[in-house]
N, C-alpha and C. Protein backbone atom coordinates (compact mmCIF):
# COMPACT_ATOMS: atom_id res chain seq x y z
N MET A 1 67.54 -59.02 60.87
CA MET A 1 68.70 -58.94 60.30
C MET A 1 69.69 -58.46 61.53
N PRO A 2 70.86 -59.19 61.75
CA PRO A 2 71.70 -59.11 62.90
C PRO A 2 72.34 -57.52 62.91
N GLN A 3 72.60 -57.10 64.05
CA GLN A 3 73.34 -55.71 64.31
C GLN A 3 74.40 -56.15 65.27
N ILE A 4 75.64 -55.57 64.85
CA ILE A 4 76.75 -55.99 65.67
C ILE A 4 77.49 -54.70 66.12
N GLN A 5 78.01 -54.52 67.22
CA GLN A 5 78.66 -53.50 67.69
C GLN A 5 80.24 -53.97 67.94
N VAL A 6 81.16 -53.31 67.36
CA VAL A 6 82.55 -53.66 67.32
C VAL A 6 83.42 -52.61 67.85
N LYS A 7 84.30 -52.90 68.79
CA LYS A 7 85.22 -51.80 69.21
C LYS A 7 86.71 -52.27 68.66
N LEU A 8 87.29 -51.40 67.97
CA LEU A 8 88.52 -51.78 67.43
C LEU A 8 89.62 -50.74 67.45
N ASP A 9 91.04 -51.19 67.56
CA ASP A 9 92.02 -50.46 67.84
C ASP A 9 92.49 -49.65 66.60
N GLY A 10 92.30 -48.41 66.54
CA GLY A 10 92.67 -47.78 65.31
C GLY A 10 94.05 -47.38 65.27
N THR A 11 94.79 -47.34 66.28
CA THR A 11 96.21 -47.00 66.21
C THR A 11 97.07 -48.27 65.87
N ALA A 12 96.43 -49.44 65.73
CA ALA A 12 97.10 -50.64 65.37
C ALA A 12 97.58 -50.70 63.78
N VAL A 13 96.90 -49.71 63.03
CA VAL A 13 97.18 -49.62 61.61
C VAL A 13 97.79 -48.35 61.22
N ASP A 14 98.50 -47.71 62.19
CA ASP A 14 99.00 -46.39 62.03
C ASP A 14 97.86 -45.38 61.74
N GLY A 15 96.73 -45.69 62.35
CA GLY A 15 95.67 -44.64 62.04
C GLY A 15 95.88 -43.31 62.61
N TRP A 16 96.00 -42.23 61.83
CA TRP A 16 96.58 -40.95 62.26
C TRP A 16 95.34 -40.35 63.04
N LEU A 17 94.01 -40.56 62.62
CA LEU A 17 92.96 -39.94 63.36
C LEU A 17 92.77 -40.77 64.76
N ALA A 18 93.03 -41.99 64.95
CA ALA A 18 93.02 -42.49 66.11
C ALA A 18 94.19 -42.10 67.04
N THR A 19 95.40 -41.83 66.28
CA THR A 19 96.52 -41.31 67.07
C THR A 19 96.17 -39.97 67.73
N ILE A 20 95.65 -39.11 66.88
CA ILE A 20 95.09 -37.74 67.33
C ILE A 20 94.15 -37.96 68.48
N SER A 21 93.36 -38.85 68.52
CA SER A 21 92.39 -38.93 69.61
C SER A 21 93.07 -39.24 70.85
N THR A 22 94.23 -40.12 70.77
CA THR A 22 94.93 -40.55 72.03
C THR A 22 95.59 -39.09 72.63
N GLU A 23 95.81 -38.31 71.77
CA GLU A 23 96.49 -36.90 72.25
C GLU A 23 95.38 -36.08 72.91
N PHE A 24 94.08 -36.49 72.80
CA PHE A 24 93.04 -35.70 73.49
C PHE A 24 92.18 -36.72 74.17
N PRO A 25 92.71 -37.45 75.07
CA PRO A 25 92.02 -38.82 75.70
C PRO A 25 90.70 -38.47 76.22
N ASP A 26 90.45 -37.21 76.60
CA ASP A 26 89.03 -36.76 77.37
C ASP A 26 88.07 -36.40 76.26
N ALA A 27 88.36 -36.41 75.00
CA ALA A 27 87.50 -35.84 74.04
C ALA A 27 86.79 -37.06 73.23
N GLU A 28 85.59 -36.72 72.84
CA GLU A 28 84.74 -37.88 72.09
C GLU A 28 84.73 -37.44 70.69
N PHE A 29 85.22 -38.11 69.74
CA PHE A 29 85.39 -37.92 68.37
C PHE A 29 84.07 -38.68 67.89
N ARG A 30 83.22 -37.74 67.07
CA ARG A 30 82.11 -38.44 66.36
C ARG A 30 82.09 -38.27 64.96
N LEU A 31 82.37 -39.41 64.26
CA LEU A 31 82.15 -39.21 62.79
C LEU A 31 80.84 -39.39 62.34
N LEU A 32 80.36 -38.18 61.77
CA LEU A 32 79.05 -38.16 61.54
C LEU A 32 78.59 -38.71 60.13
N ALA A 33 79.66 -38.52 59.28
CA ALA A 33 79.31 -39.11 57.95
C ALA A 33 80.65 -39.25 57.26
N THR A 34 80.62 -40.07 56.33
CA THR A 34 81.86 -40.42 55.67
C THR A 34 81.47 -40.86 54.22
N GLN A 35 82.23 -40.16 53.27
CA GLN A 35 82.00 -40.61 51.85
C GLN A 35 83.32 -41.10 51.37
N LEU A 36 83.34 -42.52 51.05
CA LEU A 36 84.51 -43.18 50.65
C LEU A 36 84.58 -43.14 49.13
N ARG A 37 85.73 -42.71 48.62
CA ARG A 37 85.99 -42.90 47.21
C ARG A 37 87.16 -43.81 46.96
N ASP A 38 87.64 -44.17 45.83
CA ASP A 38 88.69 -45.03 45.46
C ASP A 38 89.93 -44.72 46.22
N THR A 39 90.36 -43.52 46.34
CA THR A 39 91.66 -43.12 46.94
C THR A 39 91.43 -42.10 48.09
N THR A 40 90.31 -41.59 48.32
CA THR A 40 90.30 -40.56 49.38
C THR A 40 89.00 -40.78 50.15
N ALA A 41 88.86 -40.07 51.23
CA ALA A 41 87.65 -40.18 52.10
C ALA A 41 87.31 -38.63 52.50
N PHE A 42 86.01 -38.32 52.54
CA PHE A 42 85.55 -37.06 53.06
C PHE A 42 84.75 -37.35 54.26
N VAL A 43 85.05 -36.68 55.29
CA VAL A 43 84.59 -37.00 56.65
C VAL A 43 84.05 -35.62 57.43
N ILE A 44 82.86 -35.82 57.85
CA ILE A 44 82.30 -34.79 58.71
C ILE A 44 82.57 -35.31 60.27
N LEU A 45 83.13 -34.39 60.90
CA LEU A 45 83.62 -34.94 62.34
C LEU A 45 83.12 -33.90 63.37
N GLU A 46 82.53 -34.36 64.37
CA GLU A 46 82.27 -33.50 65.56
C GLU A 46 83.13 -33.98 66.71
N VAL A 47 83.85 -33.05 67.48
CA VAL A 47 84.59 -33.52 68.53
C VAL A 47 84.19 -32.86 69.75
N LEU A 48 83.81 -33.42 70.73
CA LEU A 48 83.32 -32.88 72.00
C LEU A 48 84.63 -32.78 72.80
N THR A 49 85.04 -31.32 72.99
CA THR A 49 86.22 -31.23 73.77
C THR A 49 86.27 -29.66 73.94
N SER A 50 87.06 -29.42 75.07
CA SER A 50 87.16 -27.96 75.49
C SER A 50 88.55 -27.30 74.99
N LYS A 51 89.12 -28.32 74.23
CA LYS A 51 90.65 -27.84 73.62
C LYS A 51 90.40 -27.69 72.13
N GLY A 52 89.31 -27.00 71.67
CA GLY A 52 89.04 -27.00 70.17
C GLY A 52 90.12 -26.35 69.31
N ASN A 53 90.71 -25.08 69.99
CA ASN A 53 91.72 -24.55 69.04
C ASN A 53 92.92 -25.37 68.84
N ALA A 54 93.21 -26.09 69.88
CA ALA A 54 94.51 -27.00 69.80
C ALA A 54 94.30 -28.03 68.88
N LEU A 55 93.02 -28.75 68.94
CA LEU A 55 92.54 -29.69 68.04
C LEU A 55 92.62 -29.21 66.59
N ILE A 56 92.26 -28.07 66.21
CA ILE A 56 92.12 -27.60 64.86
C ILE A 56 93.60 -27.42 64.45
N ARG A 57 94.48 -26.93 65.14
CA ARG A 57 95.89 -26.75 64.78
C ARG A 57 96.44 -28.10 64.47
N ARG A 58 96.08 -29.03 65.32
CA ARG A 58 96.66 -30.47 65.14
C ARG A 58 96.16 -31.06 63.79
N PHE A 59 94.98 -30.85 63.35
CA PHE A 59 94.44 -31.24 62.05
C PHE A 59 95.16 -30.48 61.02
N GLU A 60 95.50 -29.35 61.10
CA GLU A 60 96.00 -28.38 60.13
C GLU A 60 97.47 -28.68 59.85
N ASN A 61 98.25 -29.29 60.86
CA ASN A 61 99.59 -29.77 60.90
C ASN A 61 99.74 -31.19 60.57
N THR A 62 98.70 -31.90 60.18
CA THR A 62 98.65 -33.27 60.04
C THR A 62 98.80 -33.53 58.40
N PRO A 63 100.04 -34.29 58.02
CA PRO A 63 100.17 -34.48 56.68
C PRO A 63 99.15 -35.32 55.92
N GLU A 64 98.58 -36.13 56.55
CA GLU A 64 97.47 -37.07 55.90
C GLU A 64 96.23 -36.32 55.74
N VAL A 65 95.90 -35.11 56.12
CA VAL A 65 94.85 -34.21 55.99
C VAL A 65 95.06 -33.48 54.79
N ASP A 66 94.28 -33.76 53.77
CA ASP A 66 94.60 -32.90 52.36
C ASP A 66 93.95 -31.54 52.51
N THR A 67 92.49 -31.45 53.02
CA THR A 67 91.91 -30.26 53.23
C THR A 67 91.04 -30.32 54.36
N ILE A 68 90.87 -29.19 55.11
CA ILE A 68 89.96 -29.10 56.20
C ILE A 68 89.25 -27.71 56.20
N GLU A 69 87.91 -27.95 56.66
CA GLU A 69 86.92 -26.72 56.72
C GLU A 69 86.32 -26.83 58.01
N VAL A 70 86.54 -25.87 58.84
CA VAL A 70 85.90 -25.82 60.23
C VAL A 70 84.50 -25.11 60.14
N TYR A 71 83.40 -25.88 60.45
CA TYR A 71 82.09 -25.25 60.40
C TYR A 71 81.74 -24.50 61.66
N HIS A 72 82.18 -24.97 62.72
CA HIS A 72 81.82 -24.34 64.06
C HIS A 72 82.73 -24.78 65.16
N THR A 73 83.02 -23.86 66.08
CA THR A 73 83.85 -24.08 67.20
C THR A 73 83.29 -23.34 68.32
N ASP A 74 83.35 -23.91 69.62
CA ASP A 74 83.01 -23.13 70.81
C ASP A 74 83.83 -23.78 71.93
N GLU A 75 83.37 -23.58 73.29
CA GLU A 75 84.14 -24.09 74.33
C GLU A 75 84.01 -25.38 74.51
N ARG A 76 82.81 -25.99 73.89
CA ARG A 76 82.56 -27.47 74.16
C ARG A 76 82.85 -28.48 73.03
N MET A 77 82.66 -27.99 71.80
CA MET A 77 82.83 -28.92 70.54
C MET A 77 83.47 -28.11 69.32
N VAL A 78 83.94 -28.97 68.46
CA VAL A 78 84.28 -28.63 67.13
C VAL A 78 83.49 -29.38 66.00
N LEU A 79 83.05 -28.70 65.02
CA LEU A 79 82.43 -29.39 64.00
C LEU A 79 83.30 -29.05 62.60
N LEU A 80 83.82 -30.00 62.01
CA LEU A 80 84.69 -29.80 60.81
C LEU A 80 84.50 -30.93 59.67
N GLN A 81 84.94 -30.60 58.53
CA GLN A 81 84.96 -31.64 57.52
C GLN A 81 86.47 -31.57 57.07
N PHE A 82 87.02 -32.73 56.87
CA PHE A 82 88.27 -32.86 56.28
C PHE A 82 88.31 -33.95 55.10
N GLN A 83 89.32 -33.97 54.28
CA GLN A 83 89.52 -34.94 53.27
C GLN A 83 90.87 -35.56 53.53
N THR A 84 90.95 -36.84 53.29
CA THR A 84 92.04 -37.56 53.47
C THR A 84 92.29 -38.63 52.53
N SER A 85 93.45 -39.12 52.18
CA SER A 85 93.75 -40.25 51.38
C SER A 85 94.33 -41.53 52.32
N ALA A 86 94.19 -41.37 53.51
CA ALA A 86 94.86 -42.36 54.50
C ALA A 86 93.77 -42.62 55.58
N MET A 87 93.05 -43.55 55.42
CA MET A 87 92.03 -44.05 56.36
C MET A 87 92.02 -45.47 56.40
N LYS A 88 93.13 -46.17 56.99
CA LYS A 88 93.23 -47.69 56.91
C LYS A 88 92.25 -48.39 57.69
N SER A 89 91.80 -47.73 58.69
CA SER A 89 90.76 -48.33 59.51
C SER A 89 89.45 -48.61 58.76
N TYR A 90 89.25 -47.83 57.76
CA TYR A 90 88.12 -48.07 56.94
C TYR A 90 88.30 -49.16 55.95
N ASP A 91 89.42 -49.62 55.60
CA ASP A 91 89.64 -50.60 54.58
C ASP A 91 88.86 -51.90 54.72
N PRO A 92 88.86 -52.35 56.04
CA PRO A 92 87.92 -53.72 56.26
C PRO A 92 86.43 -53.50 55.91
N LEU A 93 86.05 -52.22 56.25
CA LEU A 93 84.57 -51.81 55.98
C LEU A 93 84.43 -51.82 54.49
N ARG A 94 85.30 -51.22 53.70
CA ARG A 94 85.17 -51.16 52.23
C ARG A 94 85.37 -52.38 51.62
N ARG A 95 86.28 -53.25 52.09
CA ARG A 95 86.46 -54.58 51.28
C ARG A 95 85.25 -55.53 51.66
N SER A 96 84.67 -55.43 52.86
CA SER A 96 83.57 -56.40 53.13
C SER A 96 82.33 -55.82 52.78
N LYS A 97 82.23 -54.69 52.10
CA LYS A 97 81.14 -53.91 51.36
C LYS A 97 79.96 -53.88 52.45
N ASN A 98 80.42 -53.20 53.64
CA ASN A 98 79.49 -52.99 54.73
C ASN A 98 79.30 -51.47 54.98
N ILE A 99 78.36 -50.95 55.42
CA ILE A 99 78.14 -49.45 55.72
C ILE A 99 77.82 -49.34 57.16
N SER A 100 78.66 -48.46 57.75
CA SER A 100 78.42 -48.44 59.30
C SER A 100 77.26 -47.62 59.59
N ILE A 101 76.69 -47.79 60.88
CA ILE A 101 75.61 -46.86 61.30
C ILE A 101 76.19 -45.60 62.07
N TYR A 102 75.87 -44.54 61.62
CA TYR A 102 76.66 -43.38 62.10
C TYR A 102 75.70 -42.81 63.38
N PRO A 103 76.39 -42.09 64.29
CA PRO A 103 77.77 -41.73 64.38
C PRO A 103 78.59 -43.00 64.70
N THR A 104 79.79 -42.93 64.16
CA THR A 104 80.89 -43.84 64.72
C THR A 104 81.82 -43.03 65.73
N ILE A 105 81.85 -43.62 66.82
CA ILE A 105 82.50 -42.95 68.15
C ILE A 105 83.95 -43.51 68.03
N LEU A 106 84.85 -42.49 68.43
CA LEU A 106 86.35 -42.69 68.50
C LEU A 106 86.63 -42.02 69.85
N ARG A 107 87.22 -42.98 70.78
CA ARG A 107 87.78 -42.42 71.98
C ARG A 107 89.14 -42.93 72.24
N ASP A 108 90.11 -42.23 72.74
CA ASP A 108 91.36 -42.50 72.94
C ASP A 108 91.88 -43.72 72.06
N GLY A 109 91.88 -43.56 70.72
CA GLY A 109 92.36 -44.63 69.91
C GLY A 109 91.49 -45.74 69.42
N TRP A 110 90.30 -45.95 70.08
CA TRP A 110 89.45 -46.94 69.82
C TRP A 110 88.17 -46.48 69.15
N PHE A 111 87.76 -47.14 67.97
CA PHE A 111 86.55 -46.92 67.29
C PHE A 111 85.50 -47.81 67.81
N SER A 112 84.30 -47.22 67.87
CA SER A 112 83.08 -48.00 68.09
C SER A 112 82.25 -48.18 67.00
N VAL A 113 82.15 -49.18 66.10
CA VAL A 113 81.43 -49.33 64.97
C VAL A 113 80.28 -50.20 65.13
N GLU A 114 79.14 -49.75 64.59
CA GLU A 114 77.78 -50.60 64.56
C GLU A 114 77.48 -50.81 63.21
N LEU A 115 77.15 -52.10 62.80
CA LEU A 115 76.76 -52.46 61.56
C LEU A 115 75.57 -53.34 61.56
N THR A 116 74.71 -53.15 60.46
CA THR A 116 73.53 -54.03 60.36
C THR A 116 73.60 -54.63 59.03
N ALA A 117 73.64 -55.98 58.96
CA ALA A 117 73.93 -56.61 57.65
C ALA A 117 73.66 -58.15 57.86
N SER A 118 73.91 -58.82 56.67
CA SER A 118 73.58 -60.31 56.97
C SER A 118 74.81 -60.91 57.73
N HIS A 119 74.59 -62.05 58.22
CA HIS A 119 75.47 -62.88 58.88
C HIS A 119 76.83 -62.98 57.99
N GLU A 120 76.64 -63.21 56.77
CA GLU A 120 77.72 -63.49 55.70
C GLU A 120 78.55 -62.24 55.86
N ARG A 121 77.97 -60.94 55.59
CA ARG A 121 78.61 -59.71 55.55
C ARG A 121 79.33 -59.21 56.84
N LEU A 122 78.65 -59.56 57.88
CA LEU A 122 79.30 -59.38 59.27
C LEU A 122 80.44 -60.15 59.47
N SER A 123 80.38 -61.43 59.06
CA SER A 123 81.61 -62.32 59.14
C SER A 123 82.76 -61.91 58.28
N LYS A 124 82.32 -61.40 57.07
CA LYS A 124 83.42 -61.00 56.19
C LYS A 124 84.13 -59.84 56.77
N TYR A 125 83.36 -58.90 57.50
CA TYR A 125 84.09 -57.74 58.16
C TYR A 125 85.08 -58.01 59.13
N THR A 126 84.55 -59.01 59.99
CA THR A 126 85.55 -59.46 61.22
C THR A 126 86.67 -60.26 60.58
N ASP A 127 86.54 -60.93 59.30
CA ASP A 127 87.60 -61.65 58.75
C ASP A 127 88.61 -60.54 58.24
N GLU A 128 88.11 -59.38 57.68
CA GLU A 128 88.87 -58.40 57.22
C GLU A 128 89.74 -57.65 58.18
N LEU A 129 89.07 -57.55 59.42
CA LEU A 129 89.74 -56.94 60.57
C LEU A 129 90.83 -57.70 60.88
N ALA A 130 90.72 -59.08 61.14
CA ALA A 130 91.73 -60.11 61.49
C ALA A 130 92.92 -59.96 60.39
N ALA A 131 92.52 -60.01 59.09
CA ALA A 131 93.42 -60.02 58.08
C ALA A 131 94.38 -58.82 57.99
N ALA A 132 93.72 -57.57 58.57
CA ALA A 132 94.53 -56.47 58.54
C ALA A 132 95.24 -56.15 59.87
N GLY A 133 95.20 -57.17 60.86
CA GLY A 133 95.91 -57.11 62.02
C GLY A 133 95.34 -56.13 62.86
N ILE A 134 93.99 -55.80 62.88
CA ILE A 134 93.44 -54.79 63.80
C ILE A 134 92.95 -55.37 64.98
N PRO A 135 93.30 -55.34 66.12
CA PRO A 135 92.70 -55.94 67.29
C PRO A 135 91.22 -55.38 67.51
N TYR A 136 90.53 -56.28 67.68
CA TYR A 136 88.86 -55.82 67.94
C TYR A 136 88.34 -56.78 68.98
N GLU A 137 87.25 -56.30 69.39
CA GLU A 137 86.31 -57.14 70.30
C GLU A 137 84.86 -56.77 70.07
N ILE A 138 84.03 -57.84 70.05
CA ILE A 138 82.59 -57.61 69.64
C ILE A 138 81.82 -57.31 70.98
N VAL A 139 81.32 -56.05 71.13
CA VAL A 139 80.68 -55.57 72.26
C VAL A 139 79.36 -56.15 72.32
N SER A 140 78.60 -56.27 71.25
CA SER A 140 77.13 -56.87 71.37
C SER A 140 76.86 -57.29 69.87
N LEU A 141 75.92 -58.29 69.88
CA LEU A 141 75.41 -58.94 68.61
C LEU A 141 73.86 -59.12 68.96
N VAL A 142 72.91 -58.46 68.32
CA VAL A 142 71.68 -58.62 68.53
C VAL A 142 70.93 -58.93 67.13
N GLN A 143 69.99 -59.94 67.18
CA GLN A 143 69.37 -60.37 66.09
C GLN A 143 68.04 -59.66 66.13
N SER A 144 67.84 -58.67 65.19
CA SER A 144 66.54 -58.07 65.08
C SER A 144 65.75 -58.59 63.89
N HIS A 145 64.48 -58.38 64.01
CA HIS A 145 63.54 -58.96 63.00
C HIS A 145 62.62 -57.84 62.52
N THR A 146 62.42 -57.86 61.23
CA THR A 146 61.31 -56.98 60.76
C THR A 146 60.14 -57.84 60.66
N ALA A 147 58.95 -57.22 60.61
CA ALA A 147 57.64 -58.15 60.57
C ALA A 147 57.76 -59.21 59.56
N SER A 148 58.27 -58.79 58.39
CA SER A 148 58.20 -59.66 57.20
C SER A 148 59.16 -60.95 57.43
N GLU A 149 60.09 -60.68 58.21
CA GLU A 149 61.00 -61.70 58.61
C GLU A 149 60.54 -62.66 59.60
N MET A 150 59.78 -62.28 60.66
CA MET A 150 59.40 -62.90 61.81
C MET A 150 57.98 -63.82 61.43
N LEU A 151 57.32 -63.39 60.35
CA LEU A 151 56.12 -64.05 60.08
C LEU A 151 56.37 -64.91 58.70
N THR A 152 55.50 -65.73 58.70
CA THR A 152 55.40 -66.63 57.27
C THR A 152 54.60 -65.70 56.24
N ASP A 153 54.87 -66.08 55.14
CA ASP A 153 54.26 -65.30 53.98
C ASP A 153 52.73 -65.22 54.20
N ARG A 154 51.98 -66.32 54.68
CA ARG A 154 50.52 -66.36 54.87
C ARG A 154 50.29 -65.48 55.96
N GLN A 155 51.03 -65.62 57.11
CA GLN A 155 50.60 -64.70 58.20
C GLN A 155 50.88 -63.15 57.98
N TRP A 156 51.88 -62.87 57.25
CA TRP A 156 52.14 -61.46 56.85
C TRP A 156 50.94 -61.09 55.78
N GLU A 157 50.40 -61.84 55.10
CA GLU A 157 49.31 -61.66 54.20
C GLU A 157 48.08 -61.25 55.00
N PHE A 158 47.83 -62.03 56.00
CA PHE A 158 46.76 -61.78 56.96
C PHE A 158 46.85 -60.52 57.62
N ILE A 159 47.98 -60.14 58.18
CA ILE A 159 48.15 -58.94 58.98
C ILE A 159 47.85 -57.73 57.99
N ILE A 160 48.51 -57.83 56.90
CA ILE A 160 48.29 -56.72 55.85
C ILE A 160 46.78 -56.44 55.46
N GLU A 161 46.14 -57.49 55.19
CA GLU A 161 44.70 -57.45 54.92
C GLU A 161 43.92 -56.88 56.06
N ALA A 162 44.21 -57.40 57.23
CA ALA A 162 43.50 -57.01 58.47
C ALA A 162 43.72 -55.48 58.79
N VAL A 163 44.90 -55.00 58.67
CA VAL A 163 45.24 -53.59 58.83
C VAL A 163 44.64 -52.70 57.71
N GLU A 164 44.73 -53.09 56.57
CA GLU A 164 44.23 -52.21 55.38
C GLU A 164 42.66 -52.24 55.31
N ARG A 165 42.11 -53.42 55.80
CA ARG A 165 40.53 -53.44 55.66
C ARG A 165 39.86 -52.99 57.10
N GLY A 166 40.60 -52.53 58.03
CA GLY A 166 40.04 -51.98 59.39
C GLY A 166 39.78 -52.96 60.29
N PHE A 167 40.42 -54.28 60.37
CA PHE A 167 40.00 -55.35 61.35
C PHE A 167 40.57 -54.78 62.66
N TYR A 168 41.58 -54.08 62.77
CA TYR A 168 42.17 -53.55 64.00
C TYR A 168 41.75 -52.01 64.52
N ASP A 169 40.79 -51.54 63.71
CA ASP A 169 40.11 -50.29 63.97
C ASP A 169 39.31 -50.35 65.00
N THR A 170 38.87 -49.24 65.80
CA THR A 170 37.88 -49.16 66.80
C THR A 170 36.83 -48.14 66.27
N PRO A 171 35.67 -48.63 66.03
CA PRO A 171 35.22 -49.93 65.96
C PRO A 171 35.65 -50.58 64.63
N ARG A 172 35.63 -51.90 64.58
CA ARG A 172 36.04 -52.68 63.48
C ARG A 172 35.30 -52.43 62.35
N ARG A 173 35.91 -52.38 61.09
CA ARG A 173 35.35 -52.21 59.76
C ARG A 173 35.35 -53.52 58.96
N CYS A 174 35.86 -54.42 59.64
CA CYS A 174 35.95 -55.70 58.79
C CYS A 174 35.93 -56.99 59.94
N THR A 175 35.15 -58.05 59.64
CA THR A 175 35.11 -59.10 60.59
C THR A 175 36.10 -60.22 60.10
N LEU A 176 36.24 -61.14 61.01
CA LEU A 176 37.21 -62.24 60.89
C LEU A 176 36.63 -63.11 59.72
N ALA A 177 35.39 -63.36 59.60
CA ALA A 177 34.75 -64.15 58.47
C ALA A 177 35.00 -63.43 57.31
N GLU A 178 34.98 -62.11 57.29
CA GLU A 178 35.20 -61.38 55.90
C GLU A 178 36.61 -61.57 55.41
N LEU A 179 37.42 -61.43 56.39
CA LEU A 179 39.04 -61.79 56.26
C LEU A 179 39.14 -63.18 55.68
N GLY A 180 38.52 -64.02 56.19
CA GLY A 180 38.54 -65.39 55.72
C GLY A 180 38.19 -65.68 54.25
N ASP A 181 37.07 -64.90 53.95
CA ASP A 181 36.68 -65.04 52.69
C ASP A 181 37.56 -64.31 51.59
N ILE A 182 38.22 -63.18 52.09
CA ILE A 182 39.19 -62.51 51.17
C ILE A 182 40.36 -63.48 50.97
N LEU A 183 40.79 -64.11 51.94
CA LEU A 183 41.89 -65.10 51.96
C LEU A 183 41.58 -66.51 51.43
N GLU A 184 40.30 -66.56 51.25
CA GLU A 184 39.74 -67.99 50.67
C GLU A 184 39.93 -69.00 51.67
N ILE A 185 39.75 -68.89 52.89
CA ILE A 185 39.90 -69.85 54.06
C ILE A 185 38.72 -69.79 54.97
N HIS A 186 38.37 -70.80 55.65
CA HIS A 186 37.26 -70.81 56.56
C HIS A 186 37.65 -69.86 57.83
N LYS A 187 36.51 -69.54 58.43
CA LYS A 187 36.66 -68.59 59.66
C LYS A 187 37.56 -69.18 60.59
N SER A 188 37.38 -70.38 60.81
CA SER A 188 38.33 -70.99 61.85
C SER A 188 39.83 -71.00 61.67
N ALA A 189 40.00 -71.24 60.27
CA ALA A 189 41.48 -71.23 59.79
C ALA A 189 42.03 -69.85 59.94
N ALA A 190 41.22 -68.77 59.55
CA ALA A 190 41.45 -67.43 59.63
C ALA A 190 41.91 -66.99 61.09
N SER A 191 41.17 -67.72 62.04
CA SER A 191 41.26 -67.44 63.50
C SER A 191 42.59 -67.86 64.01
N ARG A 192 42.95 -69.16 63.55
CA ARG A 192 44.23 -69.85 63.86
C ARG A 192 45.44 -68.97 63.19
N LEU A 193 45.26 -68.54 62.05
CA LEU A 193 46.13 -67.73 61.34
C LEU A 193 46.46 -66.33 62.19
N ARG A 194 45.35 -65.83 62.57
CA ARG A 194 45.51 -64.43 63.32
C ARG A 194 46.36 -64.69 64.61
N HIS A 195 45.96 -65.75 65.33
CA HIS A 195 46.56 -65.88 66.70
C HIS A 195 48.08 -66.16 66.53
N ARG A 196 48.27 -67.03 65.50
CA ARG A 196 49.83 -67.28 65.41
C ARG A 196 50.70 -66.12 64.75
N ALA A 197 49.89 -65.33 64.01
CA ALA A 197 50.80 -64.05 63.59
C ALA A 197 50.95 -63.08 64.77
N GLU A 198 49.80 -62.89 65.58
CA GLU A 198 49.69 -61.91 66.61
C GLU A 198 50.76 -62.55 67.75
N SER A 199 50.72 -63.79 67.94
CA SER A 199 51.61 -64.29 68.92
C SER A 199 53.09 -64.01 68.73
N ARG A 200 53.45 -64.28 67.40
CA ARG A 200 54.82 -63.85 67.05
C ARG A 200 55.22 -62.51 67.18
N ILE A 201 54.39 -61.60 66.77
CA ILE A 201 54.61 -60.27 67.01
C ILE A 201 54.76 -59.77 68.34
N ILE A 202 53.80 -60.24 69.18
CA ILE A 202 53.89 -59.86 70.63
C ILE A 202 55.07 -60.42 71.33
N LYS A 203 55.48 -61.59 70.92
CA LYS A 203 56.67 -62.31 71.67
C LYS A 203 57.88 -61.48 71.25
N ASN A 204 58.08 -61.07 69.92
CA ASN A 204 59.02 -60.37 69.55
C ASN A 204 59.25 -59.10 70.04
N PHE A 205 58.17 -58.46 70.22
CA PHE A 205 58.13 -57.01 70.87
C PHE A 205 58.67 -57.14 72.33
N VAL A 206 58.17 -58.14 72.96
CA VAL A 206 58.46 -58.28 74.39
C VAL A 206 59.96 -58.51 74.63
N ALA A 207 60.45 -59.42 73.60
CA ALA A 207 61.82 -59.78 73.67
C ALA A 207 62.81 -58.50 73.46
N GLN A 208 62.31 -57.68 72.36
CA GLN A 208 63.14 -56.59 72.00
C GLN A 208 63.13 -55.51 73.23
N ALA A 209 61.95 -55.34 73.84
CA ALA A 209 61.73 -54.36 74.93
C ALA A 209 62.59 -54.88 76.07
N ALA A 210 62.87 -56.12 76.28
CA ALA A 210 63.46 -56.52 77.47
C ALA A 210 64.87 -56.55 77.31
N GLN A 211 65.48 -56.25 76.14
CA GLN A 211 66.96 -56.20 75.94
C GLN A 211 67.57 -54.90 76.59
């Protein structure tokens, strides 16, 4: 399933949180969790900054912040939760029915959002960004595979049986001929099935490691 990283300009939609981040350009805003409801959003936010008191005062004086609770503050960071009814930068995410991978990073007005979804849903997300007039750029697009996606059903069946019956144990608890009997195929066919499955797994592993 593909994974995409998108950088988008939160200030382009009158994003109050993005605007606050421009007032603290050296700070890193890390959205750790977001609970979206019909008209409100609950957000847990960590901000890496040495200006924690000024940041808290800014949140307390922001009309779009309905409630705020500060969990921790020191000379390096602030951890807080806030509730708001104005998070326009999340509308494309909501409308495209995607869920971002946390943390979402915000720096100087720009969000860095990572999503893992089908091509159709990722395309829907970028369509919604364009429709909302939010400038964005695609930072990376990676096609990742699970074992079940990279293998055929028959290859996957072989690997599952081989693992469960101890073919890959040391010492082996099952022979290739026995696996062939279980799968109702000749030993030579089981050997070909094994090599094709292992080849796909190894090639995919090397490709991922080289990225």
